[in-house]
Amino acid sequence: MIGGAPERTGADSAVGRPVALIDLLDRLLNGGAVVTGDIVLSVADVDLVHINLRAVIRSITADEPGPW
């Protein structure tokens, strides 16, 4: 404890602190992410089109090349 306040470590240290967009993108690309979603177009409660979306976002390096 410093000055009566508990010390923050790990993920708690970022709470309340502004994060730059580039730092957020860096963390996202280093760890990767999966984005999923569903889109349904309907008229009068009749589903006409159903689209299921899945995307994987990650960085490609020389050590870990892409699958192609």
N, C-alpha and C. Protein backbone atom coordinates (compact mmCIF):
# COMPACT_ATOMS: atom_id res chain seq x y z
N MET A 1 0.83 -1.18 0.00
CA MET A 1 0.00 0.00 0.00
C MET A 1 0.87 1.24 0.00
N ILE A 2 0.53 2.16 -0.84
CA ILE A 2 1.26 3.42 -0.91
C ILE A 2 0.28 4.52 -0.55
N GLY A 3 0.59 5.28 0.51
CA GLY A 3 -0.26 6.39 0.89
C GLY A 3 -1.67 5.96 1.27
N GLY A 4 -1.83 4.73 1.80
CA GLY A 4 -3.13 4.26 2.23
C GLY A 4 -3.97 3.63 1.14
N ALA A 5 -3.56 3.72 -0.12
CA ALA A 5 -4.32 3.13 -1.22
C ALA A 5 -3.67 1.82 -1.64
N PRO A 6 -4.45 0.80 -1.92
CA PRO A 6 -3.86 -0.47 -2.37
C PRO A 6 -3.22 -0.31 -3.74
N GLU A 7 -2.12 -1.06 -3.95
CA GLU A 7 -1.44 -1.02 -5.24
C GLU A 7 -2.24 -1.80 -6.27
N ARG A 8 -2.22 -1.32 -7.49
CA ARG A 8 -2.90 -2.00 -8.59
C ARG A 8 -1.88 -2.74 -9.42
N THR A 9 -2.21 -3.97 -9.74
CA THR A 9 -1.30 -4.77 -10.56
C THR A 9 -2.10 -5.43 -11.67
N GLY A 10 -1.44 -5.82 -12.74
CA GLY A 10 -2.06 -6.56 -13.83
C GLY A 10 -3.13 -5.75 -14.55
N ALA A 11 -4.27 -6.40 -14.78
CA ALA A 11 -5.35 -5.78 -15.55
C ALA A 11 -5.98 -4.61 -14.80
N ASP A 12 -5.92 -4.63 -13.46
CA ASP A 12 -6.51 -3.55 -12.68
C ASP A 12 -5.80 -2.23 -12.89
N SER A 13 -4.52 -2.25 -13.27
CA SER A 13 -3.77 -1.01 -13.43
C SER A 13 -4.24 -0.20 -14.63
N ALA A 14 -4.92 -0.82 -15.59
CA ALA A 14 -5.39 -0.12 -16.79
C ALA A 14 -6.78 0.49 -16.59
N VAL A 15 -7.45 0.14 -15.49
CA VAL A 15 -8.80 0.64 -15.25
C VAL A 15 -8.74 2.15 -15.00
N GLY A 16 -9.57 2.89 -15.72
CA GLY A 16 -9.62 4.33 -15.53
C GLY A 16 -8.54 5.09 -16.29
N ARG A 17 -7.66 4.39 -16.97
CA ARG A 17 -6.58 5.03 -17.72
C ARG A 17 -6.92 5.00 -19.20
N PRO A 18 -6.80 6.12 -19.91
CA PRO A 18 -7.09 6.10 -21.35
C PRO A 18 -6.09 5.21 -22.10
N VAL A 19 -6.60 4.49 -23.10
CA VAL A 19 -5.77 3.60 -23.90
C VAL A 19 -5.79 4.10 -25.34
N ALA A 20 -4.62 4.23 -25.93
CA ALA A 20 -4.52 4.69 -27.32
C ALA A 20 -5.01 3.59 -28.26
N LEU A 21 -5.57 3.99 -29.38
CA LEU A 21 -6.09 3.03 -30.35
C LEU A 21 -5.01 2.08 -30.84
N ILE A 22 -3.80 2.58 -31.03
CA ILE A 22 -2.71 1.74 -31.52
C ILE A 22 -2.35 0.67 -30.49
N ASP A 23 -2.43 1.00 -29.19
CA ASP A 23 -2.17 0.00 -28.15
C ASP A 23 -3.25 -1.07 -28.14
N LEU A 24 -4.48 -0.67 -28.34
CA LEU A 24 -5.58 -1.62 -28.40
C LEU A 24 -5.43 -2.56 -29.58
N LEU A 25 -5.09 -2.02 -30.76
CA LEU A 25 -4.87 -2.86 -31.94
C LEU A 25 -3.69 -3.80 -31.75
N ASP A 26 -2.63 -3.32 -31.10
CA ASP A 26 -1.45 -4.15 -30.85
C ASP A 26 -1.82 -5.34 -29.98
N ARG A 27 -2.58 -5.10 -28.92
CA ARG A 27 -3.00 -6.20 -28.05
C ARG A 27 -3.90 -7.17 -28.79
N LEU A 28 -4.81 -6.64 -29.60
CA LEU A 28 -5.73 -7.48 -30.36
C LEU A 28 -5.00 -8.38 -31.33
N LEU A 29 -4.04 -7.81 -32.08
CA LEU A 29 -3.33 -8.60 -33.09
C LEU A 29 -2.34 -9.57 -32.46
N ASN A 30 -1.77 -9.23 -31.31
CA ASN A 30 -0.86 -10.16 -30.64
C ASN A 30 -1.59 -11.39 -30.13
N GLY A 31 -2.77 -11.19 -29.57
CA GLY A 31 -3.51 -12.31 -29.00
C GLY A 31 -4.49 -12.94 -29.97
N GLY A 32 -4.99 -12.15 -30.90
CA GLY A 32 -6.00 -12.64 -31.84
C GLY A 32 -7.40 -12.49 -31.28
N ALA A 33 -8.37 -12.56 -32.15
CA ALA A 33 -9.77 -12.45 -31.74
C ALA A 33 -10.65 -13.16 -32.75
N VAL A 34 -11.79 -13.61 -32.29
CA VAL A 34 -12.80 -14.21 -33.14
C VAL A 34 -14.04 -13.35 -33.05
N VAL A 35 -14.55 -12.92 -34.21
CA VAL A 35 -15.74 -12.09 -34.27
C VAL A 35 -16.84 -12.92 -34.91
N THR A 36 -17.98 -13.00 -34.24
CA THR A 36 -19.11 -13.75 -34.79
C THR A 36 -20.36 -12.88 -34.75
N GLY A 37 -21.28 -13.17 -35.64
CA GLY A 37 -22.53 -12.42 -35.66
C GLY A 37 -23.53 -13.05 -36.59
N ASP A 38 -24.77 -12.70 -36.39
CA ASP A 38 -25.87 -13.18 -37.23
C ASP A 38 -26.66 -11.99 -37.75
N ILE A 39 -27.03 -12.05 -39.01
CA ILE A 39 -27.89 -11.04 -39.62
C ILE A 39 -29.09 -11.75 -40.20
N VAL A 40 -30.26 -11.28 -39.83
CA VAL A 40 -31.50 -11.87 -40.35
C VAL A 40 -32.33 -10.75 -40.96
N LEU A 41 -32.66 -10.88 -42.24
CA LEU A 41 -33.55 -9.95 -42.91
C LEU A 41 -34.93 -10.58 -42.99
N SER A 42 -35.92 -9.86 -42.45
CA SER A 42 -37.26 -10.43 -42.46
C SER A 42 -38.29 -9.36 -42.80
N VAL A 43 -39.42 -9.82 -43.33
CA VAL A 43 -40.55 -8.96 -43.66
C VAL A 43 -41.78 -9.61 -43.05
N ALA A 44 -42.53 -8.86 -42.25
CA ALA A 44 -43.75 -9.35 -41.61
C ALA A 44 -43.48 -10.63 -40.82
N ASP A 45 -42.40 -10.65 -40.06
CA ASP A 45 -41.99 -11.79 -39.23
C ASP A 45 -41.72 -13.06 -40.02
N VAL A 46 -41.39 -12.91 -41.30
CA VAL A 46 -40.98 -14.05 -42.13
C VAL A 46 -39.52 -13.84 -42.49
N ASP A 47 -38.67 -14.75 -42.02
CA ASP A 47 -37.24 -14.64 -42.30
C ASP A 47 -36.97 -14.91 -43.78
N LEU A 48 -36.37 -13.94 -44.45
CA LEU A 48 -36.05 -14.09 -45.87
C LEU A 48 -34.59 -14.47 -46.09
N VAL A 49 -33.70 -13.84 -45.33
CA VAL A 49 -32.26 -14.10 -45.47
C VAL A 49 -31.65 -14.23 -44.08
N HIS A 50 -30.85 -15.27 -43.90
CA HIS A 50 -30.11 -15.47 -42.65
C HIS A 50 -28.63 -15.60 -43.00
N ILE A 51 -27.81 -14.70 -42.44
CA ILE A 51 -26.37 -14.71 -42.71
C ILE A 51 -25.65 -14.93 -41.39
N ASN A 52 -24.78 -15.94 -41.36
CA ASN A 52 -23.97 -16.24 -40.19
C ASN A 52 -22.54 -15.81 -40.49
N LEU A 53 -21.99 -14.89 -39.70
CA LEU A 53 -20.65 -14.35 -39.94
C LEU A 53 -19.67 -14.86 -38.89
N ARG A 54 -18.48 -15.26 -39.35
CA ARG A 54 -17.39 -15.63 -38.44
C ARG A 54 -16.09 -15.13 -39.05
N ALA A 55 -15.30 -14.44 -38.24
CA ALA A 55 -14.02 -13.92 -38.72
C ALA A 55 -12.97 -14.11 -37.64
N VAL A 56 -11.77 -14.48 -38.05
CA VAL A 56 -10.64 -14.60 -37.14
C VAL A 56 -9.67 -13.47 -37.47
N ILE A 57 -9.29 -12.71 -36.45
CA ILE A 57 -8.37 -11.59 -36.64
C ILE A 57 -7.10 -11.91 -35.85
N ARG A 58 -5.98 -12.00 -36.55
CA ARG A 58 -4.69 -12.21 -35.88
C ARG A 58 -3.58 -11.72 -36.77
N SER A 59 -2.43 -11.52 -36.19
CA SER A 59 -1.29 -11.05 -36.96
C SER A 59 -0.54 -12.22 -37.60
N ILE A 60 0.13 -11.97 -38.70
CA ILE A 60 0.93 -12.96 -39.40
C ILE A 60 2.39 -12.53 -39.30
N THR A 61 3.25 -13.41 -38.85
CA THR A 61 4.68 -13.10 -38.74
C THR A 61 5.47 -14.15 -39.50
N ALA A 62 6.77 -13.92 -39.62
CA ALA A 62 7.65 -14.89 -40.28
C ALA A 62 7.73 -16.18 -39.46
N ASP A 63 7.63 -16.07 -38.13
CA ASP A 63 7.68 -17.26 -37.28
C ASP A 63 6.40 -18.08 -37.35
N GLU A 64 5.27 -17.39 -37.54
CA GLU A 64 3.96 -18.05 -37.64
C GLU A 64 3.28 -17.60 -38.92
N PRO A 65 3.63 -18.19 -40.07
CA PRO A 65 3.03 -17.75 -41.34
C PRO A 65 1.56 -18.15 -41.43
N GLY A 66 0.85 -17.53 -42.34
CA GLY A 66 -0.55 -17.83 -42.57
C GLY A 66 -0.73 -19.22 -43.16
N PRO A 67 -1.95 -19.75 -43.12
CA PRO A 67 -2.18 -21.11 -43.60
C PRO A 67 -2.05 -21.26 -45.12
N TRP A 68 -1.99 -20.18 -45.85
CA TRP A 68 -1.90 -20.28 -47.30
C TRP A 68 -0.47 -20.24 -47.69
